[in-house]
N, C-alpha and C. Protein backbone atom coordinates (compact mmCIF):
# COMPACT_ATOMS: atom_id res chain seq x y z
N VAL A 1 -12.77 -25.38 31.85
CA VAL A 1 -13.78 -26.22 31.26
C VAL A 1 -15.11 -26.01 31.97
N LEU A 2 -15.03 -25.81 33.28
CA LEU A 2 -16.25 -25.58 34.06
C LEU A 2 -16.97 -24.34 33.57
N GLU A 3 -16.21 -23.28 33.24
CA GLU A 3 -16.84 -22.05 32.75
C GLU A 3 -17.61 -22.32 31.47
N CYS A 4 -17.01 -23.08 30.53
CA CYS A 4 -17.70 -23.39 29.28
C CYS A 4 -18.91 -24.26 29.54
N PHE A 5 -18.78 -25.23 30.47
CA PHE A 5 -19.91 -26.08 30.78
C PHE A 5 -21.05 -25.27 31.35
N LEU A 6 -20.72 -24.37 32.29
CA LEU A 6 -21.76 -23.52 32.87
C LEU A 6 -22.37 -22.61 31.81
N ALA A 7 -21.52 -22.09 30.92
CA ALA A 7 -22.03 -21.23 29.85
C ALA A 7 -22.96 -22.02 28.95
N SER A 8 -22.59 -23.28 28.66
CA SER A 8 -23.46 -24.06 27.78
C SER A 8 -24.75 -24.44 28.47
N VAL A 9 -24.71 -24.63 29.79
CA VAL A 9 -25.95 -24.91 30.52
C VAL A 9 -26.89 -23.71 30.43
N VAL A 10 -26.32 -22.52 30.57
CA VAL A 10 -27.12 -21.31 30.46
C VAL A 10 -27.72 -21.20 29.06
N HIS A 11 -26.87 -21.50 28.04
CA HIS A 11 -27.37 -21.42 26.66
C HIS A 11 -28.42 -22.49 26.39
N ILE A 12 -28.23 -23.68 26.94
CA ILE A 12 -29.19 -24.75 26.71
C ILE A 12 -30.55 -24.36 27.26
N ALA A 13 -30.54 -23.73 28.43
CA ALA A 13 -31.81 -23.34 29.05
C ALA A 13 -32.57 -22.37 28.16
N GLY A 14 -31.85 -21.61 27.34
CA GLY A 14 -32.51 -20.63 26.49
C GLY A 14 -32.79 -21.13 25.09
N TYR A 15 -32.52 -22.40 24.82
CA TYR A 15 -32.77 -22.94 23.48
C TYR A 15 -34.25 -22.98 23.16
N PRO A 16 -34.66 -22.55 22.00
CA PRO A 16 -36.05 -22.75 21.59
C PRO A 16 -36.22 -24.22 21.19
N TRP A 17 -37.07 -24.94 21.87
CA TRP A 17 -37.19 -26.38 21.65
C TRP A 17 -37.87 -26.74 20.34
N ASP A 18 -38.57 -25.80 19.72
CA ASP A 18 -39.27 -26.14 18.50
C ASP A 18 -38.40 -26.01 17.25
N SER A 19 -37.18 -25.49 17.37
CA SER A 19 -36.33 -25.31 16.20
C SER A 19 -35.65 -26.63 15.83
N GLU A 20 -35.55 -26.86 14.53
CA GLU A 20 -34.95 -28.10 14.03
C GLU A 20 -33.52 -27.85 13.56
N ASP A 21 -32.59 -28.68 14.04
CA ASP A 21 -31.22 -28.72 13.54
C ASP A 21 -30.52 -27.35 13.57
N LYS A 22 -30.75 -26.55 14.60
CA LYS A 22 -30.07 -25.26 14.71
C LYS A 22 -28.79 -25.42 15.49
N GLU A 23 -27.76 -24.73 15.02
CA GLU A 23 -26.47 -24.75 15.69
C GLU A 23 -26.29 -23.40 16.40
N TYR A 24 -25.82 -23.44 17.64
CA TYR A 24 -25.65 -22.23 18.44
C TYR A 24 -24.17 -22.00 18.71
N VAL A 25 -23.72 -20.76 18.55
CA VAL A 25 -22.33 -20.40 18.79
C VAL A 25 -22.17 -20.10 20.28
N LEU A 26 -21.30 -20.86 20.93
CA LEU A 26 -21.02 -20.64 22.35
C LEU A 26 -19.80 -19.75 22.51
N VAL A 27 -18.78 -19.94 21.67
CA VAL A 27 -17.54 -19.16 21.74
C VAL A 27 -17.14 -18.81 20.32
N ASN A 28 -16.81 -17.55 20.09
CA ASN A 28 -16.26 -17.13 18.81
C ASN A 28 -15.08 -16.22 19.12
N ASN A 29 -13.90 -16.82 19.31
CA ASN A 29 -12.71 -16.07 19.68
C ASN A 29 -11.88 -15.81 18.43
N LYS A 30 -11.98 -14.58 17.91
CA LYS A 30 -11.28 -14.23 16.68
C LYS A 30 -9.78 -14.09 16.93
N CYS A 31 -9.41 -13.80 18.15
CA CYS A 31 -8.00 -13.63 18.50
C CYS A 31 -7.27 -14.97 18.41
N LYS A 32 -7.91 -16.04 18.87
CA LYS A 32 -7.31 -17.38 18.85
C LYS A 32 -7.78 -18.21 17.66
N CYS A 33 -8.66 -17.66 16.84
CA CYS A 33 -9.20 -18.36 15.66
C CYS A 33 -9.95 -19.63 16.05
N VAL A 34 -10.80 -19.54 17.06
CA VAL A 34 -11.55 -20.69 17.55
C VAL A 34 -13.03 -20.37 17.59
N THR A 35 -13.85 -21.33 17.15
CA THR A 35 -15.30 -21.24 17.26
C THR A 35 -15.81 -22.52 17.90
N VAL A 36 -16.62 -22.39 18.94
CA VAL A 36 -17.23 -23.54 19.60
C VAL A 36 -18.74 -23.42 19.40
N THR A 37 -19.34 -24.46 18.81
CA THR A 37 -20.78 -24.46 18.58
C THR A 37 -21.39 -25.69 19.23
N SER A 38 -22.70 -25.64 19.40
CA SER A 38 -23.41 -26.81 19.92
C SER A 38 -24.77 -26.91 19.25
N ARG A 39 -25.29 -28.12 19.22
CA ARG A 39 -26.62 -28.36 18.67
C ARG A 39 -27.12 -29.69 19.21
N PHE A 40 -28.42 -29.87 19.16
CA PHE A 40 -29.03 -31.12 19.57
C PHE A 40 -29.15 -32.03 18.35
N VAL A 41 -28.72 -33.30 18.52
CA VAL A 41 -28.81 -34.30 17.46
C VAL A 41 -29.44 -35.56 18.02
N PRO A 42 -30.05 -36.39 17.17
CA PRO A 42 -30.62 -37.64 17.66
C PRO A 42 -29.52 -38.57 18.18
N SER A 43 -29.78 -39.23 19.28
CA SER A 43 -28.84 -40.18 19.86
C SER A 43 -28.72 -41.41 18.97
N LYS A 44 -27.49 -41.95 18.84
CA LYS A 44 -27.30 -43.15 18.02
C LYS A 44 -27.90 -44.37 18.71
N GLU A 45 -27.84 -44.38 20.05
CA GLU A 45 -28.40 -45.52 20.79
C GLU A 45 -29.92 -45.48 20.83
N ASN A 46 -30.47 -44.27 20.96
CA ASN A 46 -31.92 -44.11 21.06
C ASN A 46 -32.34 -42.92 20.18
N PRO A 47 -32.76 -43.17 18.93
CA PRO A 47 -33.11 -42.07 18.02
C PRO A 47 -34.25 -41.19 18.52
N GLU A 48 -35.01 -41.67 19.48
CA GLU A 48 -36.12 -40.87 20.05
C GLU A 48 -35.58 -39.78 20.98
N GLU A 49 -34.33 -39.93 21.41
CA GLU A 49 -33.73 -39.03 22.39
C GLU A 49 -32.73 -38.11 21.69
N GLU A 50 -32.64 -36.86 22.13
CA GLU A 50 -31.66 -35.93 21.58
C GLU A 50 -30.53 -35.73 22.56
N ILE A 51 -29.31 -35.63 22.02
CA ILE A 51 -28.15 -35.35 22.86
C ILE A 51 -27.49 -34.07 22.36
N LEU A 52 -26.73 -33.44 23.24
CA LEU A 52 -26.05 -32.20 22.89
C LEU A 52 -24.70 -32.53 22.27
N GLU A 53 -24.47 -32.03 21.06
CA GLU A 53 -23.22 -32.22 20.36
C GLU A 53 -22.48 -30.90 20.31
N ARG A 54 -21.20 -30.90 20.68
CA ARG A 54 -20.39 -29.69 20.61
C ARG A 54 -19.33 -29.86 19.54
N ASN A 55 -19.10 -28.82 18.79
CA ASN A 55 -18.07 -28.82 17.76
C ASN A 55 -17.09 -27.69 18.03
N ILE A 56 -15.81 -28.02 18.00
CA ILE A 56 -14.75 -27.03 18.20
C ILE A 56 -13.99 -26.91 16.90
N ARG A 57 -14.00 -25.70 16.34
CA ARG A 57 -13.32 -25.42 15.07
C ARG A 57 -12.12 -24.54 15.37
N ILE A 58 -10.91 -25.03 15.06
CA ILE A 58 -9.69 -24.29 15.30
C ILE A 58 -8.99 -24.06 13.97
N LEU A 59 -8.74 -22.79 13.65
CA LEU A 59 -7.96 -22.45 12.46
C LEU A 59 -6.56 -22.06 12.93
N VAL A 60 -5.57 -22.76 12.42
CA VAL A 60 -4.19 -22.43 12.78
C VAL A 60 -3.64 -21.55 11.66
N PRO A 61 -3.35 -20.28 11.97
CA PRO A 61 -2.88 -19.37 10.92
C PRO A 61 -1.47 -19.72 10.45
N LEU A 62 -1.28 -19.82 9.14
CA LEU A 62 0.05 -20.07 8.60
C LEU A 62 0.88 -18.81 8.68
N LYS A 63 2.14 -18.98 8.91
CA LYS A 63 3.10 -17.87 8.97
C LYS A 63 2.75 -16.85 10.05
N ALA A 64 2.14 -17.31 11.15
CA ALA A 64 1.86 -16.41 12.27
C ALA A 64 3.18 -16.11 12.99
N ARG A 65 3.32 -14.89 13.45
CA ARG A 65 4.54 -14.47 14.13
C ARG A 65 4.36 -14.56 15.64
N GLU A 66 5.47 -14.73 16.37
CA GLU A 66 5.41 -14.74 17.84
C GLU A 66 4.82 -13.43 18.34
N ASN A 67 5.26 -12.33 17.74
CA ASN A 67 4.70 -11.02 18.04
C ASN A 67 4.03 -10.54 16.76
N ILE A 68 2.70 -10.59 16.72
CA ILE A 68 2.01 -10.30 15.46
C ILE A 68 2.22 -8.87 14.97
N SER A 69 2.61 -7.96 15.89
CA SER A 69 2.86 -6.58 15.47
C SER A 69 4.27 -6.38 14.94
N ASP A 70 5.12 -7.41 15.03
CA ASP A 70 6.49 -7.29 14.56
C ASP A 70 6.71 -8.29 13.43
N PRO A 71 6.73 -7.82 12.17
CA PRO A 71 6.89 -8.74 11.04
C PRO A 71 8.25 -9.44 11.01
N MET A 72 9.19 -8.99 11.83
CA MET A 72 10.51 -9.60 11.86
C MET A 72 10.65 -10.64 12.97
N SER A 73 9.65 -10.80 13.83
CA SER A 73 9.74 -11.78 14.92
C SER A 73 9.68 -13.19 14.32
N PRO A 74 10.18 -14.19 15.05
CA PRO A 74 10.19 -15.55 14.50
C PRO A 74 8.78 -16.10 14.32
N LEU A 75 8.65 -17.09 13.43
CA LEU A 75 7.36 -17.71 13.20
C LEU A 75 6.92 -18.48 14.45
N ARG A 76 5.63 -18.45 14.72
CA ARG A 76 5.08 -19.16 15.87
C ARG A 76 4.96 -20.64 15.51
N THR A 77 5.47 -21.48 16.40
CA THR A 77 5.39 -22.92 16.17
C THR A 77 4.52 -23.61 17.22
N THR A 78 4.16 -22.90 18.30
CA THR A 78 3.34 -23.47 19.37
C THR A 78 2.05 -22.68 19.50
N PHE A 79 0.94 -23.38 19.50
CA PHE A 79 -0.37 -22.77 19.69
C PHE A 79 -1.02 -23.45 20.88
N VAL A 80 -1.47 -22.65 21.86
CA VAL A 80 -2.06 -23.21 23.08
C VAL A 80 -3.51 -22.77 23.17
N TYR A 81 -4.41 -23.74 23.36
CA TYR A 81 -5.83 -23.45 23.47
C TYR A 81 -6.34 -23.99 24.79
N ARG A 82 -6.76 -23.08 25.69
CA ARG A 82 -7.34 -23.47 26.97
C ARG A 82 -8.80 -23.04 26.96
N MET A 83 -9.68 -23.99 27.23
CA MET A 83 -11.12 -23.68 27.20
C MET A 83 -11.47 -22.57 28.18
N THR A 84 -10.81 -22.51 29.33
CA THR A 84 -11.14 -21.46 30.30
C THR A 84 -10.82 -20.09 29.75
N GLU A 85 -9.73 -19.98 28.97
CA GLU A 85 -9.39 -18.68 28.38
C GLU A 85 -10.34 -18.33 27.24
N LEU A 86 -10.72 -19.33 26.47
CA LEU A 86 -11.63 -19.08 25.35
C LEU A 86 -13.01 -18.65 25.82
N CYS A 87 -13.42 -19.17 26.98
CA CYS A 87 -14.78 -18.92 27.47
C CYS A 87 -14.89 -17.71 28.38
N LYS A 88 -13.76 -17.12 28.75
CA LYS A 88 -13.87 -16.00 29.69
C LYS A 88 -14.57 -14.80 29.05
N LYS A 89 -15.35 -14.14 29.84
CA LYS A 89 -16.08 -12.96 29.38
C LYS A 89 -15.61 -11.77 30.22
N CYS A 90 -14.87 -10.88 29.58
CA CYS A 90 -14.27 -9.77 30.31
C CYS A 90 -15.03 -8.46 30.17
N ASP A 91 -16.02 -8.41 29.28
CA ASP A 91 -16.81 -7.20 29.15
C ASP A 91 -17.63 -7.00 30.41
N PRO A 92 -17.56 -5.81 31.02
CA PRO A 92 -18.33 -5.60 32.25
C PRO A 92 -19.83 -5.63 32.00
N VAL A 93 -20.54 -6.18 32.96
CA VAL A 93 -22.00 -6.22 32.89
C VAL A 93 -22.55 -5.54 34.14
N GLU A 94 -23.76 -5.03 34.04
CA GLU A 94 -24.39 -4.38 35.19
C GLU A 94 -25.15 -5.42 36.00
N VAL A 95 -24.91 -5.40 37.32
CA VAL A 95 -25.56 -6.34 38.23
C VAL A 95 -26.23 -5.54 39.33
N GLU A 96 -27.46 -5.90 39.67
CA GLU A 96 -28.17 -5.20 40.75
C GLU A 96 -28.03 -6.01 42.03
N LEU A 97 -27.48 -5.36 43.05
CA LEU A 97 -27.33 -5.98 44.37
C LEU A 97 -27.86 -5.02 45.42
N GLY A 98 -28.83 -5.47 46.17
CA GLY A 98 -29.38 -4.64 47.24
C GLY A 98 -29.94 -3.33 46.75
N GLY A 99 -30.53 -3.30 45.59
CA GLY A 99 -31.13 -2.10 45.06
C GLY A 99 -30.16 -1.17 44.37
N GLU A 100 -28.85 -1.49 44.38
CA GLU A 100 -27.85 -0.66 43.70
C GLU A 100 -27.28 -1.43 42.52
N ILE A 101 -26.87 -0.69 41.50
CA ILE A 101 -26.31 -1.31 40.30
C ILE A 101 -24.79 -1.21 40.34
N TYR A 102 -24.12 -2.35 40.08
CA TYR A 102 -22.66 -2.43 40.09
C TYR A 102 -22.17 -2.96 38.75
N GLN A 103 -20.94 -2.58 38.39
CA GLN A 103 -20.28 -3.13 37.21
C GLN A 103 -19.50 -4.37 37.65
N ALA A 104 -19.66 -5.48 36.96
CA ALA A 104 -18.97 -6.71 37.32
C ALA A 104 -18.46 -7.40 36.06
N GLN A 105 -17.37 -8.17 36.23
CA GLN A 105 -16.84 -8.98 35.15
C GLN A 105 -17.17 -10.44 35.45
N GLN A 106 -17.37 -11.22 34.40
CA GLN A 106 -17.74 -12.61 34.58
C GLN A 106 -16.53 -13.53 34.69
N SER A 107 -15.32 -12.99 34.62
CA SER A 107 -14.11 -13.79 34.72
C SER A 107 -13.13 -13.09 35.63
N SER A 108 -12.29 -13.88 36.31
CA SER A 108 -11.34 -13.29 37.25
C SER A 108 -9.95 -13.10 36.63
N SER A 109 -9.71 -13.58 35.42
CA SER A 109 -8.38 -13.49 34.83
C SER A 109 -8.33 -12.51 33.66
N CYS A 110 -9.03 -11.40 33.78
CA CYS A 110 -9.12 -10.45 32.67
C CYS A 110 -7.95 -9.48 32.60
N ASP A 111 -7.15 -9.41 33.66
CA ASP A 111 -6.02 -8.47 33.66
C ASP A 111 -4.82 -9.02 32.89
N GLU A 112 -4.80 -10.34 32.66
CA GLU A 112 -3.69 -10.94 31.94
C GLU A 112 -3.81 -10.62 30.45
N PRO A 113 -2.70 -10.25 29.81
CA PRO A 113 -2.77 -9.95 28.38
C PRO A 113 -3.06 -11.23 27.58
N GLU A 114 -3.90 -11.10 26.56
CA GLU A 114 -4.26 -12.25 25.74
C GLU A 114 -3.28 -12.39 24.59
N THR A 115 -2.80 -13.60 24.36
CA THR A 115 -1.92 -13.86 23.23
C THR A 115 -2.77 -14.10 22.00
N CYS A 116 -2.57 -13.27 20.98
CA CYS A 116 -3.34 -13.42 19.76
C CYS A 116 -2.51 -14.14 18.71
N TYR A 117 -3.14 -15.05 17.98
CA TYR A 117 -2.46 -15.76 16.90
C TYR A 117 -2.68 -15.08 15.56
N THR A 118 -3.59 -14.16 15.52
CA THR A 118 -3.84 -13.39 14.31
C THR A 118 -4.38 -12.04 14.74
N TYR A 119 -4.59 -11.15 13.82
CA TYR A 119 -5.10 -9.84 14.18
C TYR A 119 -6.56 -9.94 14.61
N ASN A 120 -6.86 -9.35 15.73
CA ASN A 120 -8.24 -9.21 16.18
C ASN A 120 -8.73 -7.90 15.56
N ARG A 121 -9.66 -7.96 14.64
CA ARG A 121 -10.09 -6.78 13.89
C ARG A 121 -10.74 -5.71 14.76
N ASP A 122 -11.01 -6.03 16.03
CA ASP A 122 -11.58 -5.04 16.93
C ASP A 122 -10.50 -4.22 17.64
N LYS A 123 -9.23 -4.62 17.50
CA LYS A 123 -8.14 -3.93 18.18
C LYS A 123 -7.24 -3.22 17.17
N CYS A 124 -6.58 -2.17 17.64
CA CYS A 124 -5.66 -1.41 16.80
C CYS A 124 -4.25 -1.93 17.02
N TYR A 125 -3.58 -2.36 15.95
CA TYR A 125 -2.21 -2.85 16.02
C TYR A 125 -1.30 -1.89 15.26
N THR A 126 -0.15 -1.60 15.89
CA THR A 126 0.84 -0.74 15.24
C THR A 126 2.22 -1.40 15.35
N SER A 127 3.13 -0.92 14.52
CA SER A 127 4.50 -1.41 14.55
C SER A 127 5.43 -0.26 14.22
N THR A 128 6.62 -0.28 14.79
CA THR A 128 7.62 0.75 14.51
C THR A 128 8.61 0.19 13.50
N PHE A 129 8.94 0.98 12.48
CA PHE A 129 9.90 0.52 11.49
C PHE A 129 10.81 1.69 11.10
N PRO A 130 12.04 1.37 10.60
CA PRO A 130 12.96 2.43 10.18
C PRO A 130 12.54 3.02 8.84
N PHE A 131 12.61 4.36 8.75
CA PHE A 131 12.19 5.07 7.54
C PHE A 131 13.29 6.07 7.18
N ARG A 132 13.81 5.98 5.96
CA ARG A 132 14.86 6.90 5.53
C ARG A 132 14.22 8.11 4.86
N TYR A 133 14.56 9.31 5.36
CA TYR A 133 14.02 10.56 4.82
C TYR A 133 15.15 11.58 4.76
N HIS A 134 15.47 12.04 3.54
CA HIS A 134 16.57 12.99 3.31
C HIS A 134 17.87 12.47 3.91
N GLY A 135 18.13 11.17 3.72
CA GLY A 135 19.39 10.59 4.19
C GLY A 135 19.42 10.27 5.67
N GLU A 136 18.39 10.60 6.38
CA GLU A 136 18.35 10.36 7.83
C GLU A 136 17.33 9.25 8.11
N ILE A 137 17.70 8.32 9.00
CA ILE A 137 16.80 7.21 9.35
C ILE A 137 16.03 7.58 10.62
N LYS A 138 14.71 7.52 10.49
CA LYS A 138 13.83 7.82 11.63
C LYS A 138 12.97 6.60 11.92
N LYS A 139 12.57 6.44 13.17
CA LYS A 139 11.62 5.39 13.56
C LYS A 139 10.21 5.94 13.37
N VAL A 140 9.41 5.23 12.59
CA VAL A 140 8.05 5.67 12.27
C VAL A 140 7.06 4.62 12.74
N GLN A 141 5.98 5.09 13.34
CA GLN A 141 4.90 4.20 13.79
C GLN A 141 3.96 3.96 12.62
N ALA A 142 3.70 2.67 12.31
CA ALA A 142 2.80 2.32 11.21
C ALA A 142 1.60 1.56 11.77
N VAL A 143 0.46 1.80 11.18
CA VAL A 143 -0.77 1.12 11.58
C VAL A 143 -0.90 -0.16 10.76
N LEU A 144 -1.15 -1.28 11.46
CA LEU A 144 -1.27 -2.57 10.78
C LEU A 144 -2.73 -2.95 10.51
N THR A 145 -3.65 -2.38 11.29
CA THR A 145 -5.09 -2.66 11.08
C THR A 145 -5.82 -1.32 11.04
N PRO A 146 -5.80 -0.63 9.89
CA PRO A 146 -6.37 0.72 9.80
C PRO A 146 -7.86 0.80 10.13
N GLU A 147 -8.65 -0.25 9.81
CA GLU A 147 -10.09 -0.19 10.06
C GLU A 147 -10.39 -0.02 11.54
N SER A 148 -9.57 -0.63 12.39
CA SER A 148 -9.85 -0.54 13.83
C SER A 148 -9.09 0.60 14.52
N CYS A 149 -8.13 1.21 13.81
CA CYS A 149 -7.36 2.30 14.43
C CYS A 149 -7.93 3.69 14.17
N TYR A 150 -8.64 3.85 13.03
CA TYR A 150 -9.16 5.15 12.69
C TYR A 150 -10.68 5.12 12.63
N ALA A 151 -11.28 6.13 13.20
CA ALA A 151 -12.74 6.25 13.12
C ALA A 151 -13.13 6.70 11.72
N ASP A 152 -14.37 6.41 11.35
CA ASP A 152 -14.85 6.83 10.03
C ASP A 152 -14.78 8.31 9.96
């Protein structure tokens, strides 16, 4: 939660104050189907004052599988959403320290595999299935998200 709070503080500092009723996306996690947005709204107690409102939108995919790459795996019945996981930023960024540039990650838990509740269209998913050819059954690798597996 602290990571999201710090991220929102950074975003708040960059808000253009002259814009009216704009909503800003803080988190858009397509893997977990979650979007977190924020915007300034008039306070109910004091309409002259604006307060920060955050909205969390969670889409729970129907018929999601425990292993999304295996259509035969059991249906998922438990969905876990942790703000720290949603807010982590694992893409490396360049940081200058002492006149030298280093690659750094903004989160310390990036080595753990992420559990996806639906297909992340930026990743390539495949599955192995039995295929009968000339009376012989072979295991064949099939692509489940062709747009992300093959280059144009």
